């Protein structure tokens, strides 16, 4: 099971996520990740300044979770 923290106190089990997308805040330039699980649940990540920061964060977080095989705290 690959679990990682997407925001303070919010965790996602990567094994149950079937879709994720980059979304933007309506009133600002900030972006965040939205995760959809096979249990009909959604979760949103912390906010990022731009898309490049969000993509970099997600890539590094997933790599850490896969390498450690345990919960990763950011």
PDB file of N, CA and C in Angstrom:
ATOM      1  N   UNK A   1       0.850  -1.167   0.000  1.00  0.00           N
ATOM      2  CA  UNK A   1       0.000   0.000   0.000  1.00  0.00           C
ATOM      3  C   UNK A   1       0.901   1.237   0.000  1.00  0.00           C
ATOM      4  N   UNK A   2       0.654   2.149  -0.927  1.00  0.00           N
ATOM      5  CA  UNK A   2       1.428   3.383  -1.020  1.00  0.00           C
ATOM      6  C   UNK A   2       0.558   4.548  -0.570  1.00  0.00           C
ATOM      7  N   UNK A   3       0.887   5.091   0.578  1.00  0.00           N
ATOM      8  CA  UNK A   3       0.099   6.171   1.169  1.00  0.00           C
ATOM      9  C   UNK A   3       0.999   7.391   1.313  1.00  0.00           C
ATOM     10  N   UNK A   4       0.474   8.555   0.964  1.00  0.00           N
ATOM     11  CA  UNK A   4       1.250   9.766   1.195  1.00  0.00           C
ATOM     12  C   UNK A   4       0.334  10.903   1.617  1.00  0.00           C
ATOM     13  N   UNK A   5       0.941  11.892   2.256  1.00  0.00           N
ATOM     14  CA  UNK A   5       0.195  13.037   2.769  1.00  0.00           C
ATOM     15  C   UNK A   5       0.110  14.094   1.677  1.00  0.00           C
ATOM     16  N   UNK A   6      -1.109  14.534   1.355  1.00  0.00           N
ATOM     17  CA  UNK A   6      -1.289  15.537   0.312  1.00  0.00           C
ATOM     18  C   UNK A   6      -1.510  16.929   0.881  1.00  0.00           C
ATOM     19  N   UNK A   7      -1.814  16.998   2.139  1.00  0.00           N
ATOM     20  CA  UNK A   7      -1.967  18.257   2.858  1.00  0.00           C
ATOM     21  C   UNK A   7      -1.879  17.897   4.325  1.00  0.00           C
ATOM     22  N   UNK A   8      -1.706  18.848   5.172  1.00  0.00           N
ATOM     23  CA  UNK A   8      -1.536  18.545   6.594  1.00  0.00           C
ATOM     24  C   UNK A   8      -2.720  17.731   7.120  1.00  0.00           C
ATOM     25  N   UNK A   9      -2.442  16.489   7.519  1.00  0.00           N
ATOM     26  CA  UNK A   9      -3.473  15.619   8.066  1.00  0.00           C
ATOM     27  C   UNK A   9      -4.347  14.913   7.047  1.00  0.00           C
ATOM     28  N   UNK A  10      -4.104  15.110   5.738  1.00  0.00           N
ATOM     29  CA  UNK A  10      -4.881  14.469   4.671  1.00  0.00           C
ATOM     30  C   UNK A  10      -3.996  13.477   3.938  1.00  0.00           C
ATOM     31  N   UNK A  11      -4.437  12.217   3.908  1.00  0.00           N
ATOM     32  CA  UNK A  11      -3.641  11.169   3.284  1.00  0.00           C
ATOM     33  C   UNK A  11      -4.401  10.533   2.131  1.00  0.00           C
ATOM     34  N   UNK A  12      -3.660  10.070   1.127  1.00  0.00           N
ATOM     35  CA  UNK A  12      -4.240   9.385  -0.022  1.00  0.00           C
ATOM     36  C   UNK A  12      -3.532   8.046  -0.190  1.00  0.00           C
ATOM     37  N   UNK A  13      -4.327   7.010  -0.406  1.00  0.00           N
ATOM     38  CA  UNK A  13      -3.782   5.697  -0.741  1.00  0.00           C
ATOM     39  C   UNK A  13      -3.675   5.649  -2.262  1.00  0.00           C
ATOM     40  N   UNK A  14      -2.479   5.716  -2.761  1.00  0.00           N
ATOM     41  CA  UNK A  14      -2.258   5.766  -4.201  1.00  0.00           C
ATOM     42  C   UNK A  14      -2.821   4.548  -4.919  1.00  0.00           C
ATOM     43  N   UNK A  15      -2.916   3.428  -4.225  1.00  0.00           N
ATOM     44  CA  UNK A  15      -3.433   2.200  -4.830  1.00  0.00           C
ATOM     45  C   UNK A  15      -4.925   2.281  -5.150  1.00  0.00           C
ATOM     46  N   UNK A  16      -5.662   3.192  -4.508  1.00  0.00           N
ATOM     47  CA  UNK A  16      -7.101   3.309  -4.765  1.00  0.00           C
ATOM     48  C   UNK A  16      -7.449   4.500  -5.655  1.00  0.00           C
ATOM     49  N   UNK A  17      -6.464   5.312  -6.018  1.00  0.00           N
ATOM     50  CA  UNK A  17      -6.715   6.484  -6.864  1.00  0.00           C
ATOM     51  C   UNK A  17      -6.791   6.032  -8.318  1.00  0.00           C
ATOM     52  N   UNK A  18      -7.900   6.375  -8.980  1.00  0.00           N
ATOM     53  CA  UNK A  18      -8.029   6.007 -10.391  1.00  0.00           C
ATOM     54  C   UNK A  18      -7.906   7.219 -11.306  1.00  0.00           C
ATOM     55  N   UNK A  19      -7.984   8.417 -10.729  1.00  0.00           N
ATOM     56  CA  UNK A  19      -7.880   9.626 -11.545  1.00  0.00           C
ATOM     57  C   UNK A  19      -7.414  10.760 -10.653  1.00  0.00           C
ATOM     58  N   UNK A  20      -6.589  11.634 -11.214  1.00  0.00           N
ATOM     59  CA  UNK A  20      -6.253  12.869 -10.520  1.00  0.00           C
ATOM     60  C   UNK A  20      -6.061  13.955 -11.565  1.00  0.00           C
ATOM     61  N   UNK A  21      -6.369  15.174 -11.171  1.00  0.00           N
ATOM     62  CA  UNK A  21      -6.291  16.279 -12.110  1.00  0.00           C
ATOM     63  C   UNK A  21      -5.807  17.532 -11.407  1.00  0.00           C
ATOM     64  N   UNK A  22      -5.232  18.418 -12.179  1.00  0.00           N
ATOM     65  CA  UNK A  22      -4.772  19.692 -11.666  1.00  0.00           C
ATOM     66  C   UNK A  22      -5.908  20.687 -11.817  1.00  0.00           C
ATOM     67  N   UNK A  23      -6.281  21.320 -10.733  1.00  0.00           N
ATOM     68  CA  UNK A  23      -7.382  22.285 -10.749  1.00  0.00           C
ATOM     69  C   UNK A  23      -6.861  23.635 -10.270  1.00  0.00           C
ATOM     70  N   UNK A  24      -7.574  24.694 -10.600  1.00  0.00           N
ATOM     71  CA  UNK A  24      -7.146  26.027 -10.175  1.00  0.00           C
ATOM     72  C   UNK A  24      -8.209  26.669  -9.299  1.00  0.00           C
ATOM     73  N   UNK A  25      -7.744  27.564  -8.461  1.00  0.00           N
ATOM     74  CA  UNK A  25      -8.644  28.315  -7.595  1.00  0.00           C
ATOM     75  C   UNK A  25      -9.322  29.382  -8.449  1.00  0.00           C
ATOM     76  N   UNK A  26     -10.590  29.629  -8.201  1.00  0.00           N
ATOM     77  CA  UNK A  26     -11.329  30.601  -9.008  1.00  0.00           C
ATOM     78  C   UNK A  26     -10.850  32.030  -8.788  1.00  0.00           C
ATOM     79  N   UNK A  27     -10.469  32.344  -7.553  1.00  0.00           N
ATOM     80  CA  UNK A  27     -10.141  33.728  -7.222  1.00  0.00           C
ATOM     81  C   UNK A  27      -8.640  34.019  -7.156  1.00  0.00           C
ATOM     82  N   UNK A  28      -7.803  33.076  -7.592  1.00  0.00           N
ATOM     83  CA  UNK A  28      -6.357  33.307  -7.553  1.00  0.00           C
ATOM     84  C   UNK A  28      -5.660  32.465  -8.612  1.00  0.00           C
ATOM     85  N   UNK A  29      -4.354  32.605  -8.686  1.00  0.00           N
ATOM     86  CA  UNK A  29      -3.551  31.844  -9.631  1.00  0.00           C
ATOM     87  C   UNK A  29      -3.128  30.498  -9.064  1.00  0.00           C
ATOM     88  N   UNK A  30      -3.435  30.234  -7.810  1.00  0.00           N
ATOM     89  CA  UNK A  30      -3.019  28.994  -7.152  1.00  0.00           C
ATOM     90  C   UNK A  30      -3.665  27.782  -7.806  1.00  0.00           C
ATOM     91  N   UNK A  31      -2.945  26.665  -7.760  1.00  0.00           N
ATOM     92  CA  UNK A  31      -3.464  25.402  -8.280  1.00  0.00           C
ATOM     93  C   UNK A  31      -3.347  24.334  -7.201  1.00  0.00           C
ATOM     94  N   UNK A  32      -4.086  23.243  -7.373  1.00  0.00           N
ATOM     95  CA  UNK A  32      -4.031  22.133  -6.437  1.00  0.00           C
ATOM     96  C   UNK A  32      -4.375  20.855  -7.183  1.00  0.00           C
ATOM     97  N   UNK A  33      -4.003  19.712  -6.594  1.00  0.00           N
ATOM     98  CA  UNK A  33      -4.340  18.408  -7.164  1.00  0.00           C
ATOM     99  C   UNK A  33      -5.650  17.924  -6.573  1.00  0.00           C
ATOM    100  N   UNK A  34      -6.487  17.331  -7.399  1.00  0.00           N
ATOM    101  CA  UNK A  34      -7.724  16.711  -6.938  1.00  0.00           C
ATOM    102  C   UNK A  34      -7.624  15.223  -7.263  1.00  0.00           C
ATOM    103  N   UNK A  35      -7.780  14.380  -6.230  1.00  0.00           N
ATOM    104  CA  UNK A  35      -7.651  12.935  -6.369  1.00  0.00           C
ATOM    105  C   UNK A  35      -9.021  12.279  -6.248  1.00  0.00           C
ATOM    106  N   UNK A  36      -9.299  11.307  -7.110  1.00  0.00           N
ATOM    107  CA  UNK A  36     -10.549  10.551  -7.082  1.00  0.00           C
ATOM    108  C   UNK A  36     -10.213   9.102  -6.757  1.00  0.00           C
ATOM    109  N   UNK A  37     -10.885   8.544  -5.754  1.00  0.00           N
ATOM    110  CA  UNK A  37     -10.601   7.156  -5.381  1.00  0.00           C
ATOM    111  C   UNK A  37     -11.708   6.229  -5.859  1.00  0.00           C
ATOM    112  N   UNK A  38     -11.416   4.945  -5.813  1.00  0.00           N
ATOM    113  CA  UNK A  38     -12.391   3.943  -6.234  1.00  0.00           C
ATOM    114  C   UNK A  38     -13.531   3.805  -5.236  1.00  0.00           C
ATOM    115  N   UNK A  39     -13.447   4.503  -4.117  1.00  0.00           N
ATOM    116  CA  UNK A  39     -14.506   4.469  -3.108  1.00  0.00           C
ATOM    117  C   UNK A  39     -15.435   5.672  -3.229  1.00  0.00           C
ATOM    118  N   UNK A  40     -15.473   6.307  -4.412  1.00  0.00           N
ATOM    119  CA  UNK A  40     -16.296   7.495  -4.663  1.00  0.00           C
ATOM    120  C   UNK A  40     -15.977   8.629  -3.706  1.00  0.00           C
ATOM    121  N   UNK A  41     -14.713   8.793  -3.393  1.00  0.00           N
ATOM    122  CA  UNK A  41     -14.267   9.878  -2.533  1.00  0.00           C
ATOM    123  C   UNK A  41     -13.296  10.750  -3.318  1.00  0.00           C
ATOM    124  N   UNK A  42     -13.225  12.014  -2.922  1.00  0.00           N
ATOM    125  CA  UNK A  42     -12.237  12.916  -3.510  1.00  0.00           C
ATOM    126  C   UNK A  42     -11.433  13.558  -2.392  1.00  0.00           C
ATOM    127  N   UNK A  43     -10.245  13.987  -2.746  1.00  0.00           N
ATOM    128  CA  UNK A  43      -9.386  14.704  -1.808  1.00  0.00           C
ATOM    129  C   UNK A  43      -8.601  15.733  -2.601  1.00  0.00           C
ATOM    130  N   UNK A  44      -8.300  16.848  -1.974  1.00  0.00           N
ATOM    131  CA  UNK A  44      -7.513  17.882  -2.628  1.00  0.00           C
ATOM    132  C   UNK A  44      -6.208  18.092  -1.875  1.00  0.00           C
ATOM    133  N   UNK A  45      -5.181  18.415  -2.620  1.00  0.00           N
ATOM    134  CA  UNK A  45      -3.864  18.642  -2.031  1.00  0.00           C
ATOM    135  C   UNK A  45      -3.752  20.070  -1.521  1.00  0.00           C
ATOM    136  N   UNK A  46      -2.583  20.365  -0.984  1.00  0.00           N
ATOM    137  CA  UNK A  46      -2.282  21.741  -0.613  1.00  0.00           C
ATOM    138  C   UNK A  46      -2.194  22.575  -1.885  1.00  0.00           C
ATOM    139  N   UNK A  47      -2.209  23.882  -1.738  1.00  0.00           N
ATOM    140  CA  UNK A  47      -2.149  24.773  -2.893  1.00  0.00           C
ATOM    141  C   UNK A  47      -0.703  25.035  -3.303  1.00  0.00           C
ATOM    142  N   UNK A  48      -0.526  25.284  -4.596  1.00  0.00           N
ATOM    143  CA  UNK A  48       0.788  25.583  -5.150  1.00  0.00           C
ATOM    144  C   UNK A  48       0.720  26.888  -5.922  1.00  0.00           C
ATOM    145  N   UNK A  49       1.868  27.537  -6.037  1.00  0.00           N
ATOM    146  CA  UNK A  49       1.941  28.827  -6.729  1.00  0.00           C
ATOM    147  C   UNK A  49       1.642  28.690  -8.225  1.00  0.00           C
ATOM    148  N   UNK A  50       2.117  27.593  -8.830  1.00  0.00           N
ATOM    149  CA  UNK A  50       1.895  27.399 -10.262  1.00  0.00           C
ATOM    150  C   UNK A  50       1.912  25.907 -10.599  1.00  0.00           C
ATOM    151  N   UNK A  51       1.635  25.605 -11.853  1.00  0.00           N
ATOM    152  CA  UNK A  51       1.550  24.212 -12.292  1.00  0.00           C
ATOM    153  C   UNK A  51       2.881  23.479 -12.175  1.00  0.00           C
ATOM    154  N   UNK A  52       3.979  24.160 -12.440  1.00  0.00           N
ATOM    155  CA  UNK A  52       5.290  23.522 -12.363  1.00  0.00           C
ATOM    156  C   UNK A  52       5.586  23.058 -10.940  1.00  0.00           C
ATOM    157  N   UNK A  53       5.283  23.880  -9.948  1.00  0.00           N
ATOM    158  CA  UNK A  53       5.473  23.484  -8.546  1.00  0.00           C
ATOM    159  C   UNK A  53       4.611  22.273  -8.203  1.00  0.00           C
ATOM    160  N   UNK A  54       3.373  22.271  -8.683  1.00  0.00           N
ATOM    161  CA  UNK A  54       2.448  21.171  -8.388  1.00  0.00           C
ATOM    162  C   UNK A  54       2.926  19.861  -9.013  1.00  0.00           C
ATOM    163  N   UNK A  55       3.375  19.911 -10.248  1.00  0.00           N
ATOM    164  CA  UNK A  55       3.850  18.709 -10.937  1.00  0.00           C
ATOM    165  C   UNK A  55       5.119  18.179 -10.271  1.00  0.00           C
ATOM    166  N   UNK A  56       6.041  19.065  -9.943  1.00  0.00           N
ATOM    167  CA  UNK A  56       7.277  18.661  -9.270  1.00  0.00           C
ATOM    168  C   UNK A  56       6.970  18.011  -7.932  1.00  0.00           C
ATOM    169  N   UNK A  57       6.081  18.625  -7.152  1.00  0.00           N
ATOM    170  CA  UNK A  57       5.714  18.085  -5.839  1.00  0.00           C
ATOM    171  C   UNK A  57       5.116  16.686  -5.978  1.00  0.00           C
ATOM    172  N   UNK A  58       4.193  16.507  -6.915  1.00  0.00           N
ATOM    173  CA  UNK A  58       3.544  15.205  -7.078  1.00  0.00           C
ATOM    174  C   UNK A  58       4.549  14.130  -7.499  1.00  0.00           C
ATOM    175  N   UNK A  59       5.403  14.441  -8.446  1.00  0.00           N
ATOM    176  CA  UNK A  59       6.410  13.471  -8.887  1.00  0.00           C
ATOM    177  C   UNK A  59       7.323  13.048  -7.743  1.00  0.00           C
ATOM    178  N   UNK A  60       7.796  14.000  -6.975  1.00  0.00           N
ATOM    179  CA  UNK A  60       8.697  13.691  -5.866  1.00  0.00           C
ATOM    180  C   UNK A  60       7.977  12.923  -4.762  1.00  0.00           C
ATOM    181  N   UNK A  61       6.746  13.275  -4.479  1.00  0.00           N
ATOM    182  CA  UNK A  61       5.982  12.617  -3.421  1.00  0.00           C
ATOM    183  C   UNK A  61       5.701  11.162  -3.768  1.00  0.00           C
ATOM    184  N   UNK A  62       5.291  10.899  -4.993  1.00  0.00           N
ATOM    185  CA  UNK A  62       5.022   9.523  -5.414  1.00  0.00           C
ATOM    186  C   UNK A  62       6.309   8.703  -5.405  1.00  0.00           C
ATOM    187  N   UNK A  63       7.406   9.282  -5.867  1.00  0.00           N
ATOM    188  CA  UNK A  63       8.683   8.562  -5.862  1.00  0.00           C
ATOM    189  C   UNK A  63       9.099   8.203  -4.439  1.00  0.00           C
ATOM    190  N   UNK A  64       8.928   9.126  -3.511  1.00  0.00           N
ATOM    191  CA  UNK A  64       9.268   8.841  -2.113  1.00  0.00           C
ATOM    192  C   UNK A  64       8.375   7.748  -1.546  1.00  0.00           C
ATOM    193  N   UNK A  65       7.089   7.819  -1.843  1.00  0.00           N
ATOM    194  CA  UNK A  65       6.154   6.816  -1.323  1.00  0.00           C
ATOM    195  C   UNK A  65       6.491   5.429  -1.862  1.00  0.00           C
ATOM    196  N   UNK A  66       6.817   5.349  -3.129  1.00  0.00           N
ATOM    197  CA  UNK A  66       7.162   4.054  -3.721  1.00  0.00           C
ATOM    198  C   UNK A  66       8.480   3.526  -3.161  1.00  0.00           C
ATOM    199  N   UNK A  67       9.436   4.402  -2.959  1.00  0.00           N
ATOM    200  CA  UNK A  67      10.731   3.986  -2.444  1.00  0.00           C
ATOM    201  C   UNK A  67      10.689   3.542  -0.996  1.00  0.00           C
ATOM    202  N   UNK A  68       9.871   4.200  -0.197  1.00  0.00           N
ATOM    203  CA  UNK A  68       9.806   3.895   1.227  1.00  0.00           C
ATOM    204  C   UNK A  68       8.813   2.782   1.530  1.00  0.00           C
ATOM    205  N   UNK A  69       7.768   2.682   0.725  1.00  0.00           N
ATOM    206  CA  UNK A  69       6.741   1.677   0.978  1.00  0.00           C
ATOM    207  C   UNK A  69       5.964   1.940   2.247  1.00  0.00           C
ATOM    208  N   UNK A  70       5.901   3.186   2.646  1.00  0.00           N
ATOM    209  CA  UNK A  70       5.192   3.533   3.877  1.00  0.00           C
ATOM    210  C   UNK A  70       4.650   4.952   3.765  1.00  0.00           C
ATOM    211  N   UNK A  71       4.050   5.429   4.817  1.00  0.00           N
ATOM    212  CA  UNK A  71       3.489   6.774   4.822  1.00  0.00           C
ATOM    213  C   UNK A  71       4.615   7.793   4.742  1.00  0.00           C
ATOM    214  N   UNK A  72       4.450   8.754   3.862  1.00  0.00           N
ATOM    215  CA  UNK A  72       5.432   9.817   3.698  1.00  0.00           C
ATOM    216  C   UNK A  72       4.827  11.101   4.252  1.00  0.00           C
ATOM    217  N   UNK A  73       5.501  11.744   5.175  1.00  0.00           N
ATOM    218  CA  UNK A  73       5.039  13.008   5.732  1.00  0.00           C
ATOM    219  C   UNK A  73       5.792  14.151   5.075  1.00  0.00           C
ATOM    220  N   UNK A  74       5.064  15.139   4.564  1.00  0.00           N
ATOM    221  CA  UNK A  74       5.704  16.290   3.919  1.00  0.00           C
ATOM    222  C   UNK A  74       5.610  17.506   4.799  1.00  0.00           C
TER     223      UNK A  74
END
